[in-house]
C-alpha atoms as a PDB file:
ATOM      1  CA  MET A   1     -29.064 -29.812 -26.881  1.00  0.00           C
ATOM      2  CA  THR A   2     -27.762 -26.312 -27.582  1.00  0.00           C
ATOM      3  CA  LYS A   3     -24.658 -26.303 -29.755  1.00  0.00           C
ATOM      4  CA  LEU A   4     -21.584 -24.126 -29.410  1.00  0.00           C
ATOM      5  CA  HIS A   5     -22.241 -22.130 -32.594  1.00  0.00           C
ATOM      6  CA  GLU A   6     -25.819 -21.418 -31.430  1.00  0.00           C
ATOM      7  CA  LEU A   7     -24.663 -20.189 -28.048  1.00  0.00           C
ATOM      8  CA  SER A   8     -22.058 -17.980 -29.662  1.00  0.00           C
ATOM      9  CA  ASN A   9     -24.669 -16.088 -31.688  1.00  0.00           C
ATOM     10  CA  ASP A  10     -25.266 -13.807 -28.714  1.00  0.00           C
ATOM     11  CA  TYR A  11     -21.626 -12.700 -28.741  1.00  0.00           C
ATOM     12  CA  SER A  12     -21.327 -11.416 -32.282  1.00  0.00           C
ATOM     13  CA  GLY A  13     -19.161  -8.352 -31.701  1.00  0.00           C
ATOM     14  CA  GLU A  14     -17.103  -7.787 -34.830  1.00  0.00           C
ATOM     15  CA  GLU A  15     -14.036  -6.551 -32.941  1.00  0.00           C
ATOM     16  CA  PHE A  16     -13.214  -9.820 -31.175  1.00  0.00           C
ATOM     17  CA  GLY A  17     -15.250 -12.447 -33.022  1.00  0.00           C
ATOM     18  CA  THR A  18     -18.086 -14.701 -31.876  1.00  0.00           C
ATOM     19  CA  ILE A  19     -16.061 -17.552 -30.383  1.00  0.00           C
ATOM     20  CA  ASP A  20     -13.752 -15.085 -28.665  1.00  0.00           C
ATOM     21  CA  HIS A  21     -16.692 -13.489 -26.841  1.00  0.00           C
ATOM     22  CA  PHE A  22     -18.323 -16.778 -26.019  1.00  0.00           C
ATOM     23  CA  MET A  23     -15.218 -18.237 -24.396  1.00  0.00           C
ATOM     24  CA  ASP A  24     -14.680 -15.101 -22.308  1.00  0.00           C
ATOM     25  CA  GLN A  25     -18.168 -15.135 -20.846  1.00  0.00           C
ATOM     26  CA  SER A  26     -18.840 -18.854 -20.497  1.00  0.00           C
ATOM     27  CA  LYS A  27     -18.973 -19.974 -16.864  1.00  0.00           C
ATOM     28  CA  GLU A  28     -17.924 -23.453 -17.938  1.00  0.00           C
ATOM     29  CA  LEU A  29     -14.736 -22.143 -19.558  1.00  0.00           C
ATOM     30  CA  PRO A  30     -13.159 -19.863 -16.931  1.00  0.00           C
ATOM     31  CA  THR A  31      -9.792 -19.843 -18.702  1.00  0.00           C
ATOM     32  CA  ARG A  32      -8.658 -19.662 -22.293  1.00  0.00           C
ATOM     33  CA  MET A  33      -5.372 -19.827 -24.177  1.00  0.00           C
ATOM     34  CA  VAL A  34      -4.037 -16.609 -25.696  1.00  0.00           C
ATOM     35  CA  SER A  35      -0.793 -15.539 -27.303  1.00  0.00           C
ATOM     36  CA  ILE A  36       1.742 -13.920 -24.987  1.00  0.00           C
ATOM     37  CA  TYR A  37       2.129 -11.233 -27.657  1.00  0.00           C
ATOM     38  CA  ASP A  38      -1.522 -10.200 -27.222  1.00  0.00           C
ATOM     39  CA  ILE A  39      -1.017  -9.201 -23.568  1.00  0.00           C
ATOM     40  CA  GLU A  40       0.086  -5.703 -22.612  1.00  0.00           C
ATOM     41  CA  PHE A  41       2.054  -5.138 -19.410  1.00  0.00           C
ATOM     42  CA  ASN A  42       0.218  -3.032 -16.865  1.00  0.00           C
ATOM     43  CA  PRO A  43       1.971   0.264 -15.998  1.00  0.00           C
ATOM     44  CA  LEU A  44       0.553  -0.033 -12.457  1.00  0.00           C
ATOM     45  CA  ASN A  45       2.078  -3.481 -11.983  1.00  0.00           C
ATOM     46  CA  ASP A  46       5.699  -2.617 -11.236  1.00  0.00           C
ATOM     47  CA  GLN A  47       7.029  -5.387  -9.017  1.00  0.00           C
ATOM     48  CA  GLY A  48      10.565  -4.007  -8.955  1.00  0.00           C
ATOM     49  CA  ASP A  49      12.162  -7.163 -10.391  1.00  0.00           C
ATOM     50  CA  SER A  50      15.627  -6.679 -11.852  1.00  0.00           C
ATOM     51  CA  GLN A  51      16.499  -7.984 -15.324  1.00  0.00           C
ATOM     52  CA  GLU A  52      18.821 -10.525 -13.717  1.00  0.00           C
ATOM     53  CA  GLU A  53      16.023 -11.828 -11.470  1.00  0.00           C
ATOM     54  CA  LEU A  54      13.651 -12.120 -14.431  1.00  0.00           C
ATOM     55  CA  GLU A  55      16.188 -14.014 -16.518  1.00  0.00           C
ATOM     56  CA  GLU A  56      16.882 -16.433 -13.666  1.00  0.00           C
ATOM     57  CA  PHE A  57      13.158 -17.017 -13.250  1.00  0.00           C
ATOM     58  CA  ALA A  58      12.796 -17.501 -17.022  1.00  0.00           C
ATOM     59  CA  GLU A  59      15.375 -20.287 -16.911  1.00  0.00           C
ATOM     60  CA  VAL A  60      13.461 -22.003 -14.129  1.00  0.00           C
ATOM     61  CA  LEU A  61      10.270 -21.850 -16.197  1.00  0.00           C
ATOM     62  CA  HIS A  62      12.053 -23.180 -19.262  1.00  0.00           C
ATOM     63  CA  GLU A  63      13.407 -26.145 -17.311  1.00  0.00           C
ATOM     64  CA  GLU A  64       9.923 -26.911 -15.980  1.00  0.00           C
ATOM     65  CA  GLY A  65       8.506 -26.899 -19.513  1.00  0.00           C
ATOM     66  CA  GLN A  66       5.576 -24.499 -19.281  1.00  0.00           C
ATOM     67  CA  ILE A  67       3.352 -22.627 -16.875  1.00  0.00           C
ATOM     68  CA  ARG A  68      -0.074 -24.054 -16.156  1.00  0.00           C
ATOM     69  CA  SER A  69      -1.469 -21.545 -13.674  1.00  0.00           C
ATOM     70  CA  PRO A  70      -3.344 -18.822 -15.590  1.00  0.00           C
ATOM     71  CA  LEU A  71      -2.441 -15.157 -15.804  1.00  0.00           C
ATOM     72  CA  ASN A  72      -5.139 -12.618 -14.953  1.00  0.00           C
ATOM     73  CA  VAL A  73      -6.033 -10.054 -17.606  1.00  0.00           C
ATOM     74  CA  TYR A  74      -8.848  -7.789 -18.711  1.00  0.00           C
ATOM     75  CA  ARG A  75      -9.932  -7.099 -22.243  1.00  0.00           C
ATOM     76  CA  LEU A  76      -8.833  -3.981 -24.130  1.00  0.00           C
ATOM     77  CA  SER A  77     -11.151  -2.425 -26.702  1.00  0.00           C
ATOM     78  CA  ASP A  78      -9.142   0.711 -27.452  1.00  0.00           C
ATOM     79  CA  ASN A  79      -5.656  -0.635 -28.167  1.00  0.00           C
ATOM     80  CA  PRO A  80      -4.764  -1.782 -31.698  1.00  0.00           C
ATOM     81  CA  SER A  81      -1.567  -3.501 -30.518  1.00  0.00           C
ATOM     82  CA  PHE A  82      -2.891  -5.669 -27.674  1.00  0.00           C
ATOM     83  CA  LYS A  83      -6.104  -7.524 -26.866  1.00  0.00           C
ATOM     84  CA  TYR A  84      -5.548  -7.739 -23.105  1.00  0.00           C
ATOM     85  CA  ARG A  85      -3.902  -5.872 -20.240  1.00  0.00           C
ATOM     86  CA  LEU A  86      -2.218  -7.796 -17.457  1.00  0.00           C
ATOM     87  CA  LEU A  87      -3.480  -7.778 -13.863  1.00  0.00           C
ATOM     88  CA  GLY A  88      -1.722 -10.763 -12.316  1.00  0.00           C
ATOM     89  CA  GLY A  89       1.366 -12.593 -13.546  1.00  0.00           C
ATOM     90  CA  ASP A  90       3.812  -9.815 -14.360  1.00  0.00           C
ATOM     91  CA  ARG A  91       6.935 -11.853 -13.620  1.00  0.00           C
ATOM     92  CA  ARG A  92       5.662 -14.905 -15.494  1.00  0.00           C
ATOM     93  CA  LEU A  93       4.829 -12.900 -18.610  1.00  0.00           C
ATOM     94  CA  HIS A  94       8.271 -11.267 -18.568  1.00  0.00           C
ATOM     95  CA  ALA A  95       9.849 -14.722 -18.276  1.00  0.00           C
ATOM     96  CA  LEU A  96       7.749 -16.162 -21.112  1.00  0.00           C
ATOM     97  CA  LEU A  97       8.756 -13.335 -23.447  1.00  0.00           C
ATOM     98  CA  ILE A  98      12.419 -13.768 -22.538  1.00  0.00           C
ATOM     99  CA  ASN A  99      12.235 -17.486 -23.305  1.00  0.00           C
ATOM    100  CA  ALA A 100      10.352 -16.884 -26.556  1.00  0.00           C
ATOM    101  CA  GLU A 101      13.296 -14.805 -27.746  1.00  0.00           C
ATOM    102  CA  LYS A 102      15.857 -17.442 -26.722  1.00  0.00           C
ATOM    103  CA  TYR A 103      14.240 -20.805 -27.456  1.00  0.00           C
ATOM    104  CA  GLU A 104      12.335 -21.914 -30.544  1.00  0.00           C
ATOM    105  CA  GLU A 105      10.278 -24.420 -28.550  1.00  0.00           C
ATOM    106  CA  ALA A 106       9.405 -21.963 -25.765  1.00  0.00           C
ATOM    107  CA  GLN A 107       5.807 -21.565 -24.627  1.00  0.00           C
ATOM    108  CA  ARG A 108       3.994 -18.819 -26.540  1.00  0.00           C
ATOM    109  CA  MET A 109       0.378 -19.603 -25.686  1.00  0.00           C
ATOM    110  CA  VAL A 110      -0.637 -19.097 -22.081  1.00  0.00           C
ATOM    111  CA  PRO A 111      -3.822 -19.729 -20.070  1.00  0.00           C
ATOM    112  CA  VAL A 112      -5.562 -16.579 -18.828  1.00  0.00           C
ATOM    113  CA  ILE A 113      -8.534 -15.692 -16.670  1.00  0.00           C
ATOM    114  CA  ILE A 114     -10.346 -12.695 -18.124  1.00  0.00           C
ATOM    115  CA  GLU A 115     -11.408 -10.362 -15.343  1.00  0.00           C
ATOM    116  CA  LYS A 116     -13.874  -7.485 -15.329  1.00  0.00           C
ATOM    117  CA  ARG A 117     -12.141  -4.259 -16.286  1.00  0.00           C
ATOM    118  CA  PRO A 118     -11.585  -2.141 -13.136  1.00  0.00           C
ATOM    119  CA  ASP A 119     -13.557   1.097 -12.895  1.00  0.00           C
ATOM    120  CA  ASN A 120     -10.618   3.300 -11.891  1.00  0.00           C
ATOM    121  CA  PRO A 121      -6.827   3.186 -11.301  1.00  0.00           C
ATOM    122  CA  ILE A 122      -7.139   2.714  -7.521  1.00  0.00           C
ATOM    123  CA  GLU A 123      -9.451  -0.281  -7.955  1.00  0.00           C
ATOM    124  CA  GLU A 124      -7.090  -1.609 -10.634  1.00  0.00           C
ATOM    125  CA  GLU A 125      -3.995  -1.378  -8.438  1.00  0.00           C
ATOM    126  CA  GLN A 126      -5.838  -2.992  -5.534  1.00  0.00           C
ATOM    127  CA  LYS A 127      -6.710  -5.924  -7.815  1.00  0.00           C
ATOM    128  CA  ILE A 128      -3.093  -6.164  -8.967  1.00  0.00           C
ATOM    129  CA  LEU A 129      -1.797  -6.261  -5.400  1.00  0.00           C
ATOM    130  CA  GLU A 130      -4.429  -8.815  -4.412  1.00  0.00           C
ATOM    131  CA  LEU A 131      -3.344 -11.119  -7.246  1.00  0.00           C
ATOM    132  CA  ASN A 132       0.333 -10.793  -6.315  1.00  0.00           C
ATOM    133  CA  GLU A 133       0.017 -11.008  -2.521  1.00  0.00           C
ATOM    134  CA  HIS A 134       1.465 -14.512  -2.228  1.00  0.00           C
ATOM    135  CA  ARG A 135       4.881 -13.679  -3.633  1.00  0.00           C
ATOM    136  CA  THR A 136       7.919 -14.083  -1.381  1.00  0.00           C
ATOM    137  CA  LEU A 137       9.538 -10.664  -1.063  1.00  0.00           C
ATOM    138  CA  THR A 138      12.894  -9.303   0.033  1.00  0.00           C
ATOM    139  CA  PRO A 139      12.753  -6.575   2.741  1.00  0.00           C
ATOM    140  CA  GLU A 140      13.371  -3.949   0.041  1.00  0.00           C
ATOM    141  CA  LYS A 141      10.459  -5.195  -2.087  1.00  0.00           C
ATOM    142  CA  GLN A 142       8.303  -5.577   1.009  1.00  0.00           C
ATOM    143  CA  LYS A 143       8.882  -1.916   1.835  1.00  0.00           C
ATOM    144  CA  ARG A 144       8.102  -0.984  -1.754  1.00  0.00           C
ATOM    145  CA  LEU A 145       4.819  -2.890  -1.531  1.00  0.00           C
ATOM    146  CA  VAL A 146       3.929  -1.179   1.753  1.00  0.00           C
ATOM    147  CA  GLY A 147       4.451   2.115  -0.091  1.00  0.00           C
ATOM    148  CA  ARG A 148       1.997   1.079  -2.783  1.00  0.00           C
ATOM    149  CA  TYR A 149      -0.660   0.062  -0.251  1.00  0.00           C
ATOM    150  CA  LEU A 150       0.005   3.267   1.676  1.00  0.00           C
ATOM    151  CA  ARG A 151      -0.625   5.372  -1.420  1.00  0.00           C
ATOM    152  CA  ILE A 152      -3.894   3.508  -2.066  1.00  0.00           C
ATOM    153  CA  TYR A 153      -4.962   4.020   1.561  1.00  0.00           C
ATOM    154  CA  ARG A 154      -4.271   7.765   1.350  1.00  0.00           C
ATOM    155  CA  GLU A 155      -6.134   8.073  -1.975  1.00  0.00           C
ATOM    156  CA  LEU A 156      -9.150   6.255  -0.546  1.00  0.00           C
ATOM    157  CA  GLU A 157      -8.923   8.490   2.516  1.00  0.00           C
ATOM    158  CA  LYS A 158      -9.003  11.645   0.352  1.00  0.00           C
ATOM    159  CA  ALA A 159     -11.982  10.267  -1.565  1.00  0.00           C
ATOM    160  CA  GLY A 160     -13.920   9.738   1.673  1.00  0.00           C
ATOM    161  CA  LYS A 161     -13.608   5.951   1.383  1.00  0.00           C
ATOM    162  CA  LYS A 162     -11.060   5.365   4.144  1.00  0.00           C
ATOM    163  CA  PRO A 163     -10.745   1.641   4.945  1.00  0.00           C
ATOM    164  CA  LYS A 164     -11.747   0.529   8.420  1.00  0.00           C
ATOM    165  CA  GLY A 165      -9.033   0.412  11.051  1.00  0.00           C
ATOM    166  CA  GLN A 166      -5.656   2.047  11.340  1.00  0.00           C
ATOM    167  CA  VAL A 167      -3.453   2.184   8.292  1.00  0.00           C
ATOM    168  CA  ARG A 168      -0.806  -0.132   9.761  1.00  0.00           C
ATOM    169  CA  LYS A 169      -3.396  -2.805  10.564  1.00  0.00           C
ATOM    170  CA  TRP A 170      -5.000  -2.520   7.112  1.00  0.00           C
ATOM    171  CA  ILE A 171      -1.644  -2.910   5.348  1.00  0.00           C
ATOM    172  CA  ALA A 172      -0.497  -5.698   7.671  1.00  0.00           C
ATOM    173  CA  THR A 173      -3.684  -7.642   6.912  1.00  0.00           C
ATOM    174  CA  LYS A 174      -3.343  -7.105   3.161  1.00  0.00           C
ATOM    175  CA  MET A 175       0.297  -8.238   3.134  1.00  0.00           C
ATOM    176  CA  ASN A 176       0.030 -10.906   5.832  1.00  0.00           C
ATOM    177  CA  ILE A 177       2.805  -9.329   7.894  1.00  0.00           C
ATOM    178  CA  GLY A 178       2.953  -8.133  11.494  1.00  0.00           C
ATOM    179  CA  GLU A 179       1.572  -4.716  12.406  1.00  0.00           C
ATOM    180  CA  LYS A 180       4.920  -3.644  13.889  1.00  0.00           C
ATOM    181  CA  LYS A 181       6.694  -4.433  10.625  1.00  0.00           C
ATOM    182  CA  ALA A 182       4.062  -2.532   8.635  1.00  0.00           C
ATOM    183  CA  GLU A 183       4.361   0.384  11.047  1.00  0.00           C
ATOM    184  CA  LYS A 184       8.145   0.415  10.715  1.00  0.00           C
ATOM    185  CA  TYR A 185       7.961   0.646   6.927  1.00  0.00           C
ATOM    186  CA  ILE A 186       5.264   3.340   7.089  1.00  0.00           C
ATOM    187  CA  HIS A 187       7.440   5.513   9.284  1.00  0.00           C
ATOM    188  CA  GLU A 188      10.460   4.995   7.047  1.00  0.00           C
ATOM    189  CA  ILE A 189       8.377   6.094   4.069  1.00  0.00           C
ATOM    190  CA  GLU A 190       6.393   8.957   5.573  1.00  0.00           C
ATOM    191  CA  GLY A 191       8.084   9.801   8.853  1.00  0.00           C
ATOM    192  CA  TYR A 192       6.361  10.068  12.218  1.00  0.00           C
ATOM    193  CA  LYS A 193       4.319  13.090  11.239  1.00  0.00           C
ATOM    194  CA  ARG A 194       2.632  12.076   8.004  1.00  0.00           C
ATOM    195  CA  LYS A 195       0.011  14.755   7.581  1.00  0.00           C
ATOM    196  CA  LYS A 196      -0.052  18.516   7.452  1.00  0.00           C
ATOM    197  CA  ILE A 197      -1.498  19.977  10.627  1.00  0.00           C
ATOM    198  CA  ASP A 198      -4.594  21.141   8.696  1.00  0.00           C
ATOM    199  CA  ASP A 199      -5.346  17.541   7.783  1.00  0.00           C
ATOM    200  CA  VAL A 200      -4.988  16.157  11.291  1.00  0.00           C
ATOM    201  CA  VAL A 201      -8.228  14.998  12.848  1.00  0.00           C
ATOM    202  CA  GLU A 202      -8.167  16.444  16.343  1.00  0.00           C
ATOM    203  CA  GLU A 203     -10.525  15.790  19.187  1.00  0.00           C
ATOM    204  CA  VAL A 204     -10.818  18.215  22.090  1.00  0.00           C
ATOM    205  CA  ASN A 205     -11.757  16.428  25.304  1.00  0.00           C
ATOM    206  CA  ALA A 206     -13.608  17.822  28.298  1.00  0.00           C
ATOM    207  CA  ALA A 207     -10.390  19.059  29.916  1.00  0.00           C
ATOM    208  CA  GLY A 208      -9.515  21.099  26.843  1.00  0.00           C
ATOM    209  CA  GLU A 209      -6.617  18.872  25.867  1.00  0.00           C
ATOM    210  CA  ILE A 210      -6.032  17.923  22.265  1.00  0.00           C
ATOM    211  CA  LYS A 211      -5.938  14.309  21.306  1.00  0.00           C
ATOM    212  CA  ILE A 212      -4.009  13.773  18.076  1.00  0.00           C
ATOM    213  CA  GLU A 213      -5.237  10.967  15.829  1.00  0.00           C
ATOM    214  CA  GLU A 214      -3.501   7.796  17.040  1.00  0.00           C
ATOM    215  CA  ASP A 215      -2.307   6.945  13.552  1.00  0.00           C
ATOM    216  CA  LEU A 216       0.276   9.754  13.548  1.00  0.00           C
ATOM    217  CA  MET A 217       2.734   8.256  16.004  1.00  0.00           C
ATOM    218  CA  PRO A 218       3.882   4.705  16.627  1.00  0.00           C
ATOM    219  CA  SER A 219       2.416   3.171  19.791  1.00  0.00           C
ATOM    220  CA  ALA A 220       5.864   2.444  21.243  1.00  0.00           C
ATOM    221  CA  GLU A 221       6.898   6.100  20.861  1.00  0.00           C
ATOM    222  CA  THR A 222       3.602   7.295  22.354  1.00  0.00           C
ATOM    223  CA  GLU A 223       4.139   5.158  25.452  1.00  0.00           C
ATOM    224  CA  HIS A 224       7.750   6.314  25.743  1.00  0.00           C
ATOM    225  CA  ARG A 225       6.726   9.972  25.706  1.00  0.00           C
ATOM    226  CA  LYS A 226       4.051   9.325  28.313  1.00  0.00           C
ATOM    227  CA  SER A 227       6.700   7.912  30.646  1.00  0.00           C
ATOM    228  CA  ILE A 228       8.900  10.974  30.027  1.00  0.00           C
ATOM    229  CA  ILE A 229       6.011  13.276  30.957  1.00  0.00           C
ATOM    230  CA  GLU A 230       5.416  11.338  34.173  1.00  0.00           C
ATOM    231  CA  ASN A 231       9.111  11.634  35.106  1.00  0.00           C
ATOM    232  CA  MET A 232       9.059  15.380  34.424  1.00  0.00           C
ATOM    233  CA  LYS A 233       5.978  15.812  36.601  1.00  0.00           C
ATOM    234  CA  GLU A 234       7.740  14.035  39.449  1.00  0.00           C
ATOM    235  CA  VAL A 235      10.986  16.021  39.105  1.00  0.00           C
ATOM    236  CA  LEU A 236       9.380  19.440  38.586  1.00  0.00           C
ATOM    237  CA  GLY A 237       6.520  18.926  41.019  1.00  0.00           C
ATOM    238  CA  ARG A 238       3.986  20.459  38.650  1.00  0.00           C
ATOM    239  CA  LYS A 239       1.670  19.554  35.769  1.00  0.00           C
ATOM    240  CA  VAL A 240       3.307  18.706  32.445  1.00  0.00           C
ATOM    241  CA  ARG A 241       1.534  17.664  29.278  1.00  0.00           C
ATOM    242  CA  ILE A 242       1.808  17.532  25.503  1.00  0.00           C
ATOM    243  CA  ASN A 243      -0.699  19.731  23.689  1.00  0.00           C
ATOM    244  CA  GLY A 244      -0.531  19.061  19.978  1.00  0.00           C
ATOM    245  CA  THR A 245       3.099  19.818  19.123  1.00  0.00           C
ATOM    246  CA  PHE A 246       3.675  21.871  22.313  1.00  0.00           C
ATOM    247  CA  LEU A 247       5.231  20.672  25.545  1.00  0.00           C
ATOM    248  CA  MET A 248       3.360  22.533  28.300  1.00  0.00           C
ATOM    249  CA  ILE A 249       4.575  23.026  31.883  1.00  0.00           C
ATOM    250  CA  GLN A 250       2.261  24.667  34.396  1.00  0.00           C
ATOM    251  CA  TYR A 251       3.456  27.395  36.770  1.00  0.00           C
ATOM    252  CA  SER A 252       1.712  29.689  39.291  1.00  0.00           C
ATOM    253  CA  GLU A 253       2.032  33.379  38.479  1.00  0.00           C
ATOM    254  CA  LYS A 254       2.703  35.594  41.517  1.00  0.00           C
ATOM    255  CA  LYS A 255       2.697  39.286  40.640  1.00  0.00           C
ATOM    256  CA  ASN A 256       5.407  41.426  42.227  1.00  0.00           C
ATOM    257  CA  ASP A 257       6.849  38.376  43.930  1.00  0.00           C
ATOM    258  CA  PRO A 258      10.587  37.784  43.465  1.00  0.00           C
ATOM    259  CA  ASN A 259       9.909  34.080  43.995  1.00  0.00           C
ATOM    260  CA  ASP A 260       7.578  33.942  40.965  1.00  0.00           C
ATOM    261  CA  ASP A 261       7.067  30.281  40.058  1.00  0.00           C
ATOM    262  CA  PHE A 262       7.855  31.067  36.410  1.00  0.00           C
ATOM    263  CA  TYR A 263      11.517  31.473  37.271  1.00  0.00           C
ATOM    264  CA  SER A 264      11.498  28.261  39.274  1.00  0.00           C
ATOM    265  CA  VAL A 265      10.497  26.446  36.079  1.00  0.00           C
ATOM    266  CA  LEU A 266      13.281  28.188  34.129  1.00  0.00           C
ATOM    267  CA  ASN A 267      15.852  27.262  36.771  1.00  0.00           C
ATOM    268  CA  ALA A 268      14.647  23.642  36.913  1.00  0.00           C
ATOM    269  CA  LEU A 269      15.121  23.417  33.150  1.00  0.00           C
ATOM    270  CA  GLY A 270      18.678  24.707  33.381  1.00  0.00           C
ATOM    271  CA  PHE A 271      18.158  28.384  32.503  1.00  0.00           C
ATOM    272  CA  ASP A 272      18.957  31.459  34.586  1.00  0.00           C
ATOM    273  CA  ASP A 273      16.420  34.223  35.247  1.00  0.00           C
ATOM    274  CA  GLU A 274      17.309  35.847  31.906  1.00  0.00           C
ATOM    275  CA  GLY A 275      16.542  32.708  29.963  1.00  0.00           C
ATOM    276  CA  ILE A 276      20.195  31.930  29.298  1.00  0.00           C
ATOM    277  CA  MET A 277      21.315  28.325  29.582  1.00  0.00           C
ATOM    278  CA  LYS A 278      23.495  27.889  32.676  1.00  0.00           C
END
């Protein structure tokens, strides 16, 4: 039977030690115990917790004795101060460090799962959000999280790796919230028009009308504007449509005719023949 020291011979990197490497890569040992002082906080993992909230949570942990669910980290090879960087467990690590300062008997060794190091910051933040997706959030923190997912979506979009589906549906699925709630937060963060006109994907249909990408306006607002257009058509007795950011009203030009339809449109809109509001 193969012994532990024999297995560890394949993991003889001087920087971390043989047993250290073996335990990280062994499928039979998915977690290991490390010092809380060996874990570096992740600058991408800002959960927006106040100091007061962290201290309250620390007290809860202290009363419970210790945490048993592992933190998620990846190994650092270029940092002399820390061996690992945190991916999941930001609030718990904060709480453990607070308790270590206050109580002599506080937990200082913590179980961790060592993850593969992400290839880039976007992949890293996605992993962080995935590991923290089950937290109960206040509306303010929920909006903050939507903003983080929104930034990832836009970065993936720029890189030509746009996720499938509309942004609101993608975020709603990631956060396990309703699409309307996700949409509301998106519009509060970016506004109704979220892209420069040069970035808008436009599709010209057979009638020559421009169809703006659906993602730019909330569905409720789109339907409301459609009903307004229908009412205007009925009142004015002529074609009315939205073309991009233009409201277009059709009129029949009659040269040298004092009853030119152009003026009828002006009058119907409340202007006199000189274009002055009545």
